N, C-alpha and C. Protein backbone atom coordinates (compact mmCIF):
# COMPACT_ATOMS: atom_id res chain seq x y z
N UNK A 1 21.67 -1.07 -1.42
CA UNK A 1 20.67 -0.08 -1.00
C UNK A 1 19.57 0.10 -2.03
N UNK A 2 19.94 -0.04 -3.31
CA UNK A 2 18.95 0.10 -4.37
C UNK A 2 17.91 -1.01 -4.31
N UNK A 3 18.38 -2.23 -4.01
CA UNK A 3 17.45 -3.36 -3.90
C UNK A 3 16.48 -3.13 -2.74
N UNK A 4 16.98 -2.63 -1.62
CA UNK A 4 16.13 -2.35 -0.46
C UNK A 4 15.11 -1.27 -0.81
N UNK A 5 15.55 -0.22 -1.49
CA UNK A 5 14.66 0.86 -1.90
C UNK A 5 13.56 0.34 -2.83
N UNK A 6 13.96 -0.44 -3.84
CA UNK A 6 12.98 -0.96 -4.80
C UNK A 6 12.01 -1.93 -4.14
N UNK A 7 12.52 -2.73 -3.21
CA UNK A 7 11.65 -3.66 -2.48
C UNK A 7 10.59 -2.89 -1.71
N UNK A 8 11.01 -1.84 -0.99
CA UNK A 8 10.08 -1.01 -0.25
C UNK A 8 9.08 -0.32 -1.16
N UNK A 9 9.58 0.22 -2.27
CA UNK A 9 8.71 0.95 -3.20
C UNK A 9 7.67 0.02 -3.83
N UNK A 10 8.11 -1.12 -4.35
CA UNK A 10 7.19 -2.05 -5.00
C UNK A 10 6.20 -2.65 -4.01
N UNK A 11 6.67 -2.95 -2.81
CA UNK A 11 5.78 -3.48 -1.79
C UNK A 11 4.73 -2.44 -1.43
N UNK A 12 5.18 -1.18 -1.20
CA UNK A 12 4.24 -0.12 -0.86
C UNK A 12 3.20 0.10 -1.93
N UNK A 13 3.64 0.15 -3.19
CA UNK A 13 2.72 0.34 -4.31
C UNK A 13 1.72 -0.80 -4.40
N UNK A 14 2.20 -2.03 -4.30
CA UNK A 14 1.31 -3.18 -4.46
C UNK A 14 0.26 -3.27 -3.37
N UNK A 15 0.59 -2.80 -2.17
CA UNK A 15 -0.36 -2.88 -1.06
C UNK A 15 -1.45 -1.81 -1.15
N UNK A 16 -1.16 -0.67 -1.79
CA UNK A 16 -2.16 0.40 -1.82
C UNK A 16 -2.84 0.56 -3.17
N UNK A 17 -2.40 -0.20 -4.17
CA UNK A 17 -3.00 -0.05 -5.50
C UNK A 17 -4.44 -0.56 -5.56
N UNK A 18 -4.74 -1.61 -4.81
CA UNK A 18 -6.08 -2.18 -4.87
C UNK A 18 -7.12 -1.15 -4.45
N UNK A 19 -8.23 -1.12 -5.17
CA UNK A 19 -9.27 -0.13 -4.89
C UNK A 19 -9.90 -0.40 -3.52
N UNK A 20 -10.14 0.64 -2.80
CA UNK A 20 -10.77 0.56 -1.50
C UNK A 20 -11.49 1.86 -1.23
N UNK A 21 -12.08 1.99 -0.06
CA UNK A 21 -12.86 3.18 0.25
C UNK A 21 -12.00 4.44 0.21
N UNK A 22 -10.78 4.34 0.75
CA UNK A 22 -9.89 5.49 0.78
C UNK A 22 -9.48 5.92 -0.63
N UNK A 23 -9.06 4.96 -1.44
CA UNK A 23 -8.63 5.28 -2.80
C UNK A 23 -9.77 5.83 -3.64
N UNK A 24 -10.97 5.25 -3.46
CA UNK A 24 -12.14 5.73 -4.20
C UNK A 24 -12.46 7.17 -3.81
N UNK A 25 -12.28 7.50 -2.53
CA UNK A 25 -12.55 8.85 -2.05
C UNK A 25 -11.54 9.84 -2.66
N UNK A 26 -10.26 9.45 -2.68
CA UNK A 26 -9.22 10.29 -3.28
C UNK A 26 -9.51 10.52 -4.76
N UNK A 27 -9.88 9.46 -5.44
CA UNK A 27 -10.19 9.55 -6.87
C UNK A 27 -11.37 10.48 -7.10
N UNK A 28 -12.37 10.35 -6.27
CA UNK A 28 -13.58 11.19 -6.38
C UNK A 28 -13.24 12.66 -6.17
N UNK A 29 -12.43 12.93 -5.13
CA UNK A 29 -12.05 14.32 -4.85
C UNK A 29 -11.25 14.91 -6.02
N UNK A 30 -10.41 14.09 -6.63
CA UNK A 30 -9.63 14.56 -7.77
C UNK A 30 -10.51 14.89 -8.95
N UNK A 31 -11.49 14.05 -9.22
CA UNK A 31 -12.40 14.28 -10.35
C UNK A 31 -13.25 15.53 -10.11
N UNK A 32 -13.68 15.71 -8.87
CA UNK A 32 -14.51 16.86 -8.54
C UNK A 32 -13.69 18.13 -8.32
N UNK A 33 -12.36 17.97 -8.19
CA UNK A 33 -11.49 19.12 -7.99
C UNK A 33 -11.64 19.77 -6.63
N UNK A 34 -11.90 18.97 -5.59
CA UNK A 34 -12.14 19.49 -4.25
C UNK A 34 -10.99 19.11 -3.30
N UNK A 35 -10.23 20.12 -2.83
CA UNK A 35 -9.17 19.92 -1.84
C UNK A 35 -8.18 18.83 -2.26
N UNK A 36 -7.84 18.80 -3.53
CA UNK A 36 -7.04 17.71 -4.10
C UNK A 36 -5.68 17.57 -3.40
N UNK A 37 -4.94 18.68 -3.27
CA UNK A 37 -3.60 18.63 -2.69
C UNK A 37 -3.64 18.13 -1.25
N UNK A 38 -4.55 18.66 -0.46
CA UNK A 38 -4.60 18.30 0.97
C UNK A 38 -5.06 16.87 1.17
N UNK A 39 -5.93 16.39 0.32
CA UNK A 39 -6.40 15.01 0.41
C UNK A 39 -5.24 14.06 0.11
N UNK A 40 -4.49 14.33 -0.97
CA UNK A 40 -3.36 13.48 -1.33
C UNK A 40 -2.27 13.54 -0.25
N UNK A 41 -1.99 14.74 0.26
CA UNK A 41 -0.97 14.90 1.29
C UNK A 41 -1.35 14.17 2.57
N UNK A 42 -2.60 14.27 2.96
CA UNK A 42 -3.07 13.61 4.18
C UNK A 42 -2.88 12.09 4.08
N UNK A 43 -3.28 11.51 2.95
CA UNK A 43 -3.16 10.06 2.78
C UNK A 43 -1.70 9.62 2.77
N UNK A 44 -0.86 10.37 2.06
CA UNK A 44 0.55 10.00 1.96
C UNK A 44 1.23 10.10 3.31
N UNK A 45 1.01 11.20 4.03
CA UNK A 45 1.64 11.37 5.34
C UNK A 45 1.14 10.34 6.35
N UNK A 46 -0.14 9.99 6.27
CA UNK A 46 -0.69 8.96 7.17
C UNK A 46 0.02 7.64 6.96
N UNK A 47 0.22 7.27 5.71
CA UNK A 47 0.94 6.04 5.40
C UNK A 47 2.38 6.08 5.92
N UNK A 48 3.04 7.20 5.67
CA UNK A 48 4.45 7.35 6.07
C UNK A 48 4.59 7.22 7.58
N UNK A 49 3.73 7.87 8.33
CA UNK A 49 3.79 7.81 9.79
C UNK A 49 3.58 6.37 10.28
N UNK A 50 2.62 5.67 9.70
CA UNK A 50 2.35 4.29 10.11
C UNK A 50 3.51 3.37 9.73
N UNK A 51 4.09 3.60 8.55
CA UNK A 51 5.23 2.79 8.11
C UNK A 51 6.41 2.97 9.06
N UNK A 52 6.74 4.23 9.34
CA UNK A 52 7.87 4.52 10.23
C UNK A 52 7.62 3.96 11.63
N UNK A 53 6.41 4.14 12.13
CA UNK A 53 6.08 3.62 13.46
C UNK A 53 6.19 2.10 13.49
N UNK A 54 5.71 1.45 12.43
CA UNK A 54 5.76 -0.01 12.37
C UNK A 54 7.19 -0.53 12.34
N UNK A 55 8.04 0.09 11.51
CA UNK A 55 9.43 -0.35 11.38
C UNK A 55 10.18 -0.12 12.69
N UNK A 56 10.00 1.07 13.28
CA UNK A 56 10.68 1.39 14.54
C UNK A 56 10.22 0.46 15.67
N UNK A 57 8.91 0.23 15.75
CA UNK A 57 8.36 -0.61 16.82
C UNK A 57 8.92 -2.02 16.75
N UNK A 58 8.88 -2.60 15.56
CA UNK A 58 9.35 -3.98 15.41
C UNK A 58 10.86 -4.06 15.59
N UNK A 59 11.58 -3.05 15.10
CA UNK A 59 13.04 -3.05 15.19
C UNK A 59 13.53 -2.95 16.63
N UNK A 60 12.95 -2.04 17.41
CA UNK A 60 13.47 -1.76 18.75
C UNK A 60 12.78 -2.55 19.87
N UNK A 61 11.48 -2.79 19.72
CA UNK A 61 10.76 -3.46 20.80
C UNK A 61 10.69 -4.97 20.62
N UNK A 62 10.84 -5.42 19.38
CA UNK A 62 10.79 -6.86 19.15
C UNK A 62 12.11 -7.37 18.57
N UNK A 63 13.17 -6.61 18.81
CA UNK A 63 14.46 -6.93 18.18
C UNK A 63 14.96 -8.32 18.54
N UNK A 64 14.91 -8.68 19.83
CA UNK A 64 15.38 -10.01 20.25
C UNK A 64 14.53 -11.11 19.64
N UNK A 65 13.21 -10.87 19.61
CA UNK A 65 12.31 -11.85 19.01
C UNK A 65 12.60 -12.02 17.53
N UNK A 66 12.84 -10.88 16.85
CA UNK A 66 13.12 -10.91 15.41
C UNK A 66 14.39 -11.70 15.13
N UNK A 67 15.43 -11.43 15.92
CA UNK A 67 16.70 -12.12 15.71
C UNK A 67 16.57 -13.62 15.93
N UNK A 68 15.76 -13.99 16.89
CA UNK A 68 15.63 -15.40 17.25
C UNK A 68 14.73 -16.15 16.27
N UNK A 69 13.69 -15.46 15.78
CA UNK A 69 12.71 -16.13 14.93
C UNK A 69 12.60 -15.48 13.55
N UNK A 70 13.73 -14.97 13.05
CA UNK A 70 13.72 -14.26 11.77
C UNK A 70 13.22 -15.14 10.62
N UNK A 71 13.66 -16.39 10.59
CA UNK A 71 13.23 -17.28 9.52
C UNK A 71 11.72 -17.50 9.55
N UNK A 72 11.18 -17.65 10.75
CA UNK A 72 9.74 -17.83 10.91
C UNK A 72 8.99 -16.58 10.47
N UNK A 73 9.53 -15.41 10.82
CA UNK A 73 8.91 -14.14 10.45
C UNK A 73 8.88 -13.95 8.94
N UNK A 74 10.02 -14.24 8.29
CA UNK A 74 10.06 -14.09 6.84
C UNK A 74 9.12 -15.08 6.15
N UNK A 75 9.05 -16.28 6.71
CA UNK A 75 8.14 -17.27 6.15
C UNK A 75 6.69 -16.83 6.28
N UNK A 76 6.35 -16.30 7.46
CA UNK A 76 4.99 -15.82 7.69
C UNK A 76 4.66 -14.67 6.74
N UNK A 77 5.60 -13.73 6.59
CA UNK A 77 5.37 -12.59 5.70
C UNK A 77 5.24 -13.05 4.25
N UNK A 78 6.03 -14.04 3.88
CA UNK A 78 5.97 -14.58 2.53
C UNK A 78 4.61 -15.21 2.24
N UNK A 79 4.11 -16.00 3.19
CA UNK A 79 2.80 -16.63 3.03
C UNK A 79 1.70 -15.58 2.97
N UNK A 80 1.82 -14.55 3.81
CA UNK A 80 0.85 -13.47 3.84
C UNK A 80 0.78 -12.77 2.48
N UNK A 81 1.95 -12.40 1.95
CA UNK A 81 1.99 -11.74 0.65
C UNK A 81 1.50 -12.66 -0.47
N UNK A 82 1.86 -13.93 -0.37
CA UNK A 82 1.42 -14.89 -1.39
C UNK A 82 -0.10 -15.01 -1.37
N UNK A 83 -0.67 -15.00 -0.17
CA UNK A 83 -2.13 -15.06 -0.03
C UNK A 83 -2.78 -13.82 -0.65
N UNK A 84 -2.20 -12.64 -0.38
CA UNK A 84 -2.67 -11.41 -1.00
C UNK A 84 -2.61 -11.53 -2.52
N UNK A 85 -1.50 -12.08 -3.00
CA UNK A 85 -1.32 -12.24 -4.44
C UNK A 85 -2.39 -13.14 -5.05
N UNK A 86 -2.73 -14.22 -4.34
CA UNK A 86 -3.78 -15.14 -4.81
C UNK A 86 -5.12 -14.40 -4.92
N UNK A 87 -5.42 -13.56 -3.92
CA UNK A 87 -6.67 -12.79 -3.94
C UNK A 87 -6.72 -11.87 -5.15
N UNK A 88 -5.60 -11.18 -5.40
CA UNK A 88 -5.53 -10.25 -6.54
C UNK A 88 -5.58 -11.01 -7.87
N UNK A 89 -4.93 -12.18 -7.92
CA UNK A 89 -4.94 -12.98 -9.14
C UNK A 89 -6.35 -13.50 -9.41
N UNK A 90 -7.04 -13.90 -8.35
CA UNK A 90 -8.43 -14.35 -8.49
C UNK A 90 -9.30 -13.22 -9.01
N UNK A 91 -9.06 -12.00 -8.48
CA UNK A 91 -9.82 -10.84 -8.93
C UNK A 91 -9.53 -10.51 -10.39
N UNK A 92 -8.29 -10.79 -10.82
CA UNK A 92 -7.90 -10.50 -12.21
C UNK A 92 -8.74 -11.31 -13.20
N UNK A 93 -9.22 -12.49 -12.78
CA UNK A 93 -9.99 -13.33 -13.68
C UNK A 93 -11.50 -13.24 -13.46
N UNK A 94 -11.90 -12.79 -12.26
CA UNK A 94 -13.32 -12.83 -11.94
C UNK A 94 -13.94 -11.48 -11.62
N UNK A 95 -13.12 -10.47 -11.35
CA UNK A 95 -13.66 -9.19 -10.89
C UNK A 95 -14.43 -8.46 -11.99
N UNK A 96 -15.53 -7.84 -11.59
CA UNK A 96 -16.30 -6.97 -12.48
C UNK A 96 -16.35 -5.56 -11.94
N UNK A 97 -15.35 -5.20 -11.13
CA UNK A 97 -15.34 -3.89 -10.49
C UNK A 97 -15.17 -2.78 -11.52
N UNK A 98 -15.80 -1.66 -11.27
CA UNK A 98 -15.66 -0.47 -12.12
C UNK A 98 -15.93 0.75 -11.26
N UNK A 99 -15.35 1.87 -11.62
CA UNK A 99 -15.50 3.09 -10.84
C UNK A 99 -16.76 3.84 -11.23
N UNK A 100 -17.49 4.25 -10.23
CA UNK A 100 -18.65 5.10 -10.46
C UNK A 100 -18.53 6.30 -9.53
N UNK A 101 -18.40 7.47 -10.10
CA UNK A 101 -18.24 8.69 -9.33
C UNK A 101 -19.50 9.53 -9.43
N UNK A 102 -20.06 9.86 -8.29
CA UNK A 102 -21.26 10.70 -8.28
C UNK A 102 -20.91 12.06 -7.70
N UNK A 103 -21.38 13.09 -8.36
CA UNK A 103 -21.12 14.46 -7.90
C UNK A 103 -21.95 14.75 -6.66
N UNK A 104 -21.45 15.66 -5.84
CA UNK A 104 -22.17 16.09 -4.64
C UNK A 104 -21.77 17.52 -4.34
N UNK A 105 -22.47 18.12 -3.39
CA UNK A 105 -22.16 19.49 -3.03
C UNK A 105 -20.79 19.55 -2.37
N UNK A 106 -19.98 20.59 -2.65
CA UNK A 106 -18.63 20.71 -2.08
C UNK A 106 -18.66 20.74 -0.55
N UNK A 107 -17.67 20.09 0.07
CA UNK A 107 -17.54 20.11 1.53
C UNK A 107 -16.30 20.92 1.88
N UNK A 108 -16.31 21.55 3.07
CA UNK A 108 -15.14 22.32 3.46
C UNK A 108 -13.99 21.38 3.78
N UNK A 109 -12.79 21.94 3.92
CA UNK A 109 -11.59 21.13 4.09
C UNK A 109 -11.63 20.29 5.35
N UNK A 110 -12.10 20.87 6.46
CA UNK A 110 -12.14 20.15 7.73
C UNK A 110 -13.07 18.94 7.63
N UNK A 111 -14.22 19.12 7.03
CA UNK A 111 -15.17 18.02 6.86
C UNK A 111 -14.58 16.93 5.97
N UNK A 112 -13.93 17.36 4.89
CA UNK A 112 -13.32 16.41 3.96
C UNK A 112 -12.25 15.57 4.64
N UNK A 113 -11.37 16.22 5.41
CA UNK A 113 -10.30 15.49 6.09
C UNK A 113 -10.84 14.63 7.22
N UNK A 114 -11.95 15.05 7.82
CA UNK A 114 -12.58 14.24 8.87
C UNK A 114 -13.10 12.92 8.28
N UNK A 115 -13.75 13.02 7.14
CA UNK A 115 -14.24 11.83 6.46
C UNK A 115 -13.07 10.93 6.07
N UNK A 116 -12.02 11.54 5.54
CA UNK A 116 -10.85 10.79 5.11
C UNK A 116 -10.15 10.12 6.29
N UNK A 117 -10.14 10.78 7.45
CA UNK A 117 -9.53 10.19 8.65
C UNK A 117 -10.22 8.90 9.04
N UNK A 118 -11.55 8.90 8.96
CA UNK A 118 -12.31 7.69 9.29
C UNK A 118 -12.02 6.59 8.29
N UNK A 119 -12.02 6.95 7.00
CA UNK A 119 -11.76 5.96 5.95
C UNK A 119 -10.36 5.37 6.07
N UNK A 120 -9.42 6.19 6.56
CA UNK A 120 -8.02 5.76 6.66
C UNK A 120 -7.77 4.95 7.93
N UNK A 121 -8.10 5.51 9.08
CA UNK A 121 -7.69 4.91 10.35
C UNK A 121 -8.70 3.93 10.94
N UNK A 122 -9.91 3.90 10.38
CA UNK A 122 -10.89 2.92 10.85
C UNK A 122 -10.80 1.62 10.06
N UNK A 123 -9.88 1.60 9.11
CA UNK A 123 -9.68 0.41 8.29
C UNK A 123 -8.57 -0.45 8.89
N UNK A 124 -8.89 -1.63 9.41
CA UNK A 124 -7.86 -2.45 10.07
C UNK A 124 -6.74 -2.88 9.13
N UNK A 125 -7.03 -2.95 7.84
CA UNK A 125 -6.01 -3.39 6.88
C UNK A 125 -4.85 -2.40 6.79
N UNK A 126 -5.14 -1.12 7.07
CA UNK A 126 -4.06 -0.13 6.98
C UNK A 126 -2.98 -0.41 8.01
N UNK A 127 -3.39 -0.92 9.18
CA UNK A 127 -2.42 -1.24 10.23
C UNK A 127 -1.69 -2.55 9.91
N UNK A 128 -2.43 -3.52 9.38
CA UNK A 128 -1.81 -4.80 9.02
C UNK A 128 -0.79 -4.61 7.90
N UNK A 129 -1.14 -3.77 6.93
CA UNK A 129 -0.26 -3.57 5.77
C UNK A 129 0.94 -2.69 6.09
N UNK A 130 0.68 -1.49 6.61
CA UNK A 130 1.76 -0.53 6.80
C UNK A 130 2.63 -0.84 8.02
N UNK A 131 2.00 -1.23 9.12
CA UNK A 131 2.76 -1.43 10.35
C UNK A 131 3.28 -2.85 10.50
N UNK A 132 2.39 -3.83 10.40
CA UNK A 132 2.79 -5.21 10.66
C UNK A 132 3.57 -5.81 9.49
N UNK A 133 2.97 -5.77 8.30
CA UNK A 133 3.61 -6.42 7.15
C UNK A 133 4.87 -5.68 6.71
N UNK A 134 4.77 -4.38 6.43
CA UNK A 134 5.94 -3.62 6.00
C UNK A 134 7.00 -3.59 7.10
N UNK A 135 6.56 -3.44 8.35
CA UNK A 135 7.49 -3.45 9.48
C UNK A 135 8.23 -4.77 9.58
N UNK A 136 7.52 -5.86 9.36
CA UNK A 136 8.16 -7.19 9.44
C UNK A 136 9.13 -7.41 8.31
N UNK A 137 8.72 -7.06 7.10
CA UNK A 137 9.57 -7.29 5.93
C UNK A 137 10.83 -6.42 5.99
N UNK A 138 10.74 -5.27 6.65
CA UNK A 138 11.90 -4.38 6.76
C UNK A 138 13.05 -5.03 7.53
N UNK A 139 12.72 -6.07 8.31
CA UNK A 139 13.74 -6.69 9.17
C UNK A 139 14.77 -7.51 8.39
N UNK A 140 14.52 -7.74 7.09
CA UNK A 140 15.54 -8.43 6.30
C UNK A 140 16.68 -7.48 5.94
N UNK A 141 16.49 -6.19 6.23
CA UNK A 141 17.53 -5.19 5.96
C UNK A 141 18.03 -4.59 7.27
N UNK A 142 19.20 -3.99 7.23
CA UNK A 142 19.73 -3.34 8.42
C UNK A 142 20.46 -2.06 8.03
N UNK A 143 20.65 -1.17 9.00
CA UNK A 143 21.39 0.06 8.77
C UNK A 143 20.81 0.92 7.67
N UNK A 144 21.68 1.36 6.76
CA UNK A 144 21.25 2.23 5.66
C UNK A 144 20.28 1.54 4.71
N UNK A 145 20.39 0.22 4.59
CA UNK A 145 19.47 -0.50 3.72
C UNK A 145 18.05 -0.44 4.26
N UNK A 146 17.91 -0.51 5.58
CA UNK A 146 16.58 -0.41 6.17
C UNK A 146 16.00 0.98 5.96
N UNK A 147 16.85 2.00 6.07
CA UNK A 147 16.40 3.37 5.81
C UNK A 147 15.97 3.51 4.35
N UNK A 148 16.71 2.90 3.44
CA UNK A 148 16.36 2.94 2.01
C UNK A 148 15.03 2.24 1.77
N UNK A 149 14.80 1.14 2.48
CA UNK A 149 13.53 0.41 2.37
C UNK A 149 12.37 1.30 2.80
N UNK A 150 12.53 1.97 3.94
CA UNK A 150 11.48 2.85 4.46
C UNK A 150 11.23 4.02 3.51
N UNK A 151 12.31 4.59 2.97
CA UNK A 151 12.17 5.70 2.02
C UNK A 151 11.41 5.22 0.77
N UNK A 152 11.74 4.04 0.30
CA UNK A 152 11.07 3.48 -0.87
C UNK A 152 9.58 3.28 -0.62
N UNK A 153 9.24 2.67 0.53
CA UNK A 153 7.84 2.42 0.87
C UNK A 153 7.09 3.74 1.06
N UNK A 154 7.74 4.72 1.68
CA UNK A 154 7.12 6.02 1.91
C UNK A 154 6.91 6.78 0.61
N UNK A 155 7.93 6.74 -0.25
CA UNK A 155 7.82 7.42 -1.54
C UNK A 155 6.70 6.83 -2.38
N UNK A 156 6.50 5.53 -2.25
CA UNK A 156 5.42 4.86 -2.99
C UNK A 156 4.06 5.48 -2.65
N UNK A 157 3.87 5.81 -1.37
CA UNK A 157 2.60 6.42 -0.94
C UNK A 157 2.43 7.80 -1.57
N UNK A 158 3.50 8.60 -1.56
CA UNK A 158 3.42 9.94 -2.16
C UNK A 158 3.16 9.85 -3.66
N UNK A 159 3.90 8.98 -4.34
CA UNK A 159 3.73 8.83 -5.78
C UNK A 159 2.31 8.38 -6.10
N UNK A 160 1.84 7.38 -5.36
CA UNK A 160 0.52 6.83 -5.64
C UNK A 160 -0.60 7.84 -5.40
N UNK A 161 -0.64 8.42 -4.21
CA UNK A 161 -1.77 9.27 -3.87
C UNK A 161 -1.80 10.57 -4.67
N UNK A 162 -0.64 11.17 -4.94
CA UNK A 162 -0.62 12.38 -5.75
C UNK A 162 -0.93 12.07 -7.21
N UNK A 163 -0.48 10.91 -7.70
CA UNK A 163 -0.80 10.51 -9.06
C UNK A 163 -2.29 10.22 -9.19
N UNK A 164 -2.84 9.55 -8.19
CA UNK A 164 -4.27 9.22 -8.20
C UNK A 164 -5.12 10.48 -8.14
N UNK A 165 -4.75 11.40 -7.24
CA UNK A 165 -5.54 12.61 -7.05
C UNK A 165 -5.49 13.53 -8.27
N UNK A 166 -4.28 13.76 -8.76
CA UNK A 166 -4.13 14.72 -9.87
C UNK A 166 -4.33 14.07 -11.24
N UNK A 167 -4.21 12.77 -11.30
CA UNK A 167 -4.43 12.10 -12.58
C UNK A 167 -5.80 11.46 -12.68
N UNK A 168 -6.64 11.74 -11.70
CA UNK A 168 -7.94 11.08 -11.62
C UNK A 168 -8.83 11.29 -12.85
N UNK A 169 -8.79 12.49 -13.40
CA UNK A 169 -9.65 12.78 -14.55
C UNK A 169 -9.20 12.00 -15.79
N UNK A 170 -7.92 11.64 -15.82
CA UNK A 170 -7.41 10.81 -16.91
C UNK A 170 -7.63 9.33 -16.63
N UNK A 171 -7.50 8.97 -15.35
CA UNK A 171 -7.60 7.56 -14.95
C UNK A 171 -9.04 7.06 -14.97
N UNK A 172 -9.97 7.89 -14.49
CA UNK A 172 -11.36 7.46 -14.31
C UNK A 172 -12.00 6.84 -15.55
N UNK A 173 -11.90 7.46 -16.74
CA UNK A 173 -12.53 6.85 -17.92
C UNK A 173 -11.97 5.46 -18.23
N UNK A 174 -10.64 5.30 -17.99
CA UNK A 174 -10.01 4.00 -18.26
C UNK A 174 -10.49 2.96 -17.26
N UNK A 175 -10.56 3.37 -15.97
CA UNK A 175 -10.90 2.43 -14.91
C UNK A 175 -12.39 2.15 -14.79
N UNK A 176 -13.18 2.71 -15.68
CA UNK A 176 -14.60 2.35 -15.73
C UNK A 176 -14.78 0.97 -16.35
N UNK A 177 -13.73 0.50 -16.99
CA UNK A 177 -13.77 -0.82 -17.62
C UNK A 177 -13.27 -1.90 -16.65
N UNK A 178 -14.05 -2.95 -16.43
CA UNK A 178 -13.59 -4.05 -15.57
C UNK A 178 -12.28 -4.68 -16.04
N UNK A 179 -12.04 -4.67 -17.37
CA UNK A 179 -10.81 -5.25 -17.90
C UNK A 179 -9.57 -4.51 -17.40
N UNK A 180 -9.70 -3.19 -17.21
CA UNK A 180 -8.57 -2.40 -16.69
C UNK A 180 -8.24 -2.83 -15.27
N UNK A 181 -9.28 -3.08 -14.47
CA UNK A 181 -9.06 -3.52 -13.09
C UNK A 181 -8.48 -4.92 -13.06
N UNK A 182 -8.90 -5.76 -14.00
CA UNK A 182 -8.35 -7.12 -14.05
C UNK A 182 -6.86 -7.08 -14.35
N UNK A 183 -6.46 -6.22 -15.28
CA UNK A 183 -5.04 -6.08 -15.62
C UNK A 183 -4.26 -5.55 -14.42
N UNK A 184 -4.82 -4.54 -13.73
CA UNK A 184 -4.16 -3.98 -12.56
C UNK A 184 -4.00 -5.03 -11.47
N UNK A 185 -5.04 -5.81 -11.22
CA UNK A 185 -4.98 -6.86 -10.21
C UNK A 185 -3.91 -7.90 -10.57
N UNK A 186 -3.78 -8.19 -11.85
CA UNK A 186 -2.77 -9.16 -12.29
C UNK A 186 -1.36 -8.63 -12.01
N UNK A 187 -1.13 -7.35 -12.31
CA UNK A 187 0.18 -6.74 -12.06
C UNK A 187 0.49 -6.75 -10.57
N UNK A 188 -0.50 -6.39 -9.74
CA UNK A 188 -0.32 -6.39 -8.29
C UNK A 188 0.04 -7.80 -7.80
N UNK A 189 -0.65 -8.80 -8.32
CA UNK A 189 -0.39 -10.19 -7.92
C UNK A 189 1.04 -10.59 -8.25
N UNK A 190 1.52 -10.21 -9.43
CA UNK A 190 2.88 -10.57 -9.84
C UNK A 190 3.93 -9.92 -8.92
N UNK A 191 3.70 -8.66 -8.55
CA UNK A 191 4.62 -7.97 -7.65
C UNK A 191 4.66 -8.68 -6.29
N UNK A 192 3.47 -9.02 -5.78
CA UNK A 192 3.39 -9.67 -4.48
C UNK A 192 4.04 -11.05 -4.50
N UNK A 193 3.83 -11.80 -5.57
CA UNK A 193 4.44 -13.12 -5.68
C UNK A 193 5.97 -13.01 -5.71
N UNK A 194 6.49 -12.01 -6.44
CA UNK A 194 7.93 -11.81 -6.54
C UNK A 194 8.56 -11.52 -5.18
N UNK A 195 7.93 -10.60 -4.43
CA UNK A 195 8.45 -10.26 -3.10
C UNK A 195 8.29 -11.44 -2.14
N UNK A 196 7.19 -12.18 -2.28
CA UNK A 196 6.96 -13.35 -1.41
C UNK A 196 8.05 -14.39 -1.61
N UNK A 197 8.43 -14.64 -2.86
CA UNK A 197 9.48 -15.62 -3.16
C UNK A 197 10.81 -15.14 -2.59
N UNK A 198 11.10 -13.84 -2.72
CA UNK A 198 12.34 -13.28 -2.17
C UNK A 198 12.38 -13.47 -0.66
N UNK A 199 11.26 -13.23 0.01
CA UNK A 199 11.19 -13.40 1.46
C UNK A 199 11.38 -14.86 1.85
N UNK A 200 10.78 -15.76 1.09
CA UNK A 200 10.91 -17.18 1.37
C UNK A 200 12.37 -17.62 1.28
N UNK A 201 13.11 -17.08 0.31
CA UNK A 201 14.54 -17.38 0.19
C UNK A 201 15.30 -16.81 1.38
N UNK A 202 14.95 -15.57 1.78
CA UNK A 202 15.64 -14.94 2.91
C UNK A 202 15.43 -15.72 4.20
N UNK A 203 14.27 -16.35 4.33
CA UNK A 203 13.97 -17.13 5.52
C UNK A 203 14.33 -18.60 5.40
N UNK A 204 15.06 -18.94 4.31
CA UNK A 204 15.49 -20.32 4.07
C UNK A 204 14.29 -21.29 3.93
N UNK A 205 13.21 -20.78 3.38
CA UNK A 205 12.05 -21.63 3.14
C UNK A 205 12.09 -22.23 1.75
N UNK A 206 12.93 -21.69 0.91
CA UNK A 206 13.07 -22.23 -0.47
C UNK A 206 14.54 -22.54 -0.73
């Protein structure tokens, strides 16, 4: 169960660590001190709902397909993660990304969450990552192990978004340096490669 939990947690963290519009918005809100708790909670709960929906959907509606083509599924997921890892590894050597936060007039909570909803649910990658990829990888586990995997992936979202939101004032000065992002991308790539190799073994591809 611990392995399933750690797999879910590390996979969840690696998929959401890369900077994107949603993460930049959370970081900005944390630095500005605007609706920090609700912004972090909204992002974490959104991820959890999508993860649970993805795992349940694939488990119950595609169960026969999964059982019949499990090796193919694990191989596909392994290649997908390996491809993600290559992108992050490439960014580790070539990226010049840095955070730039600009102050603006405070927005009310409803407006803030409306903006965040668009940034979260209008992004196709959120569905590919949380529902399709995490849902597919969860199929290597069953019973309590699958529940542990989901808990691990869900906890990763809470840990990440609350750490990002409340630690933003400490993180921002560090992440203004492209070298910090290169190191982060390298760590993400290593996590993805590790899980990809594990999946390849599970699917008898290695």
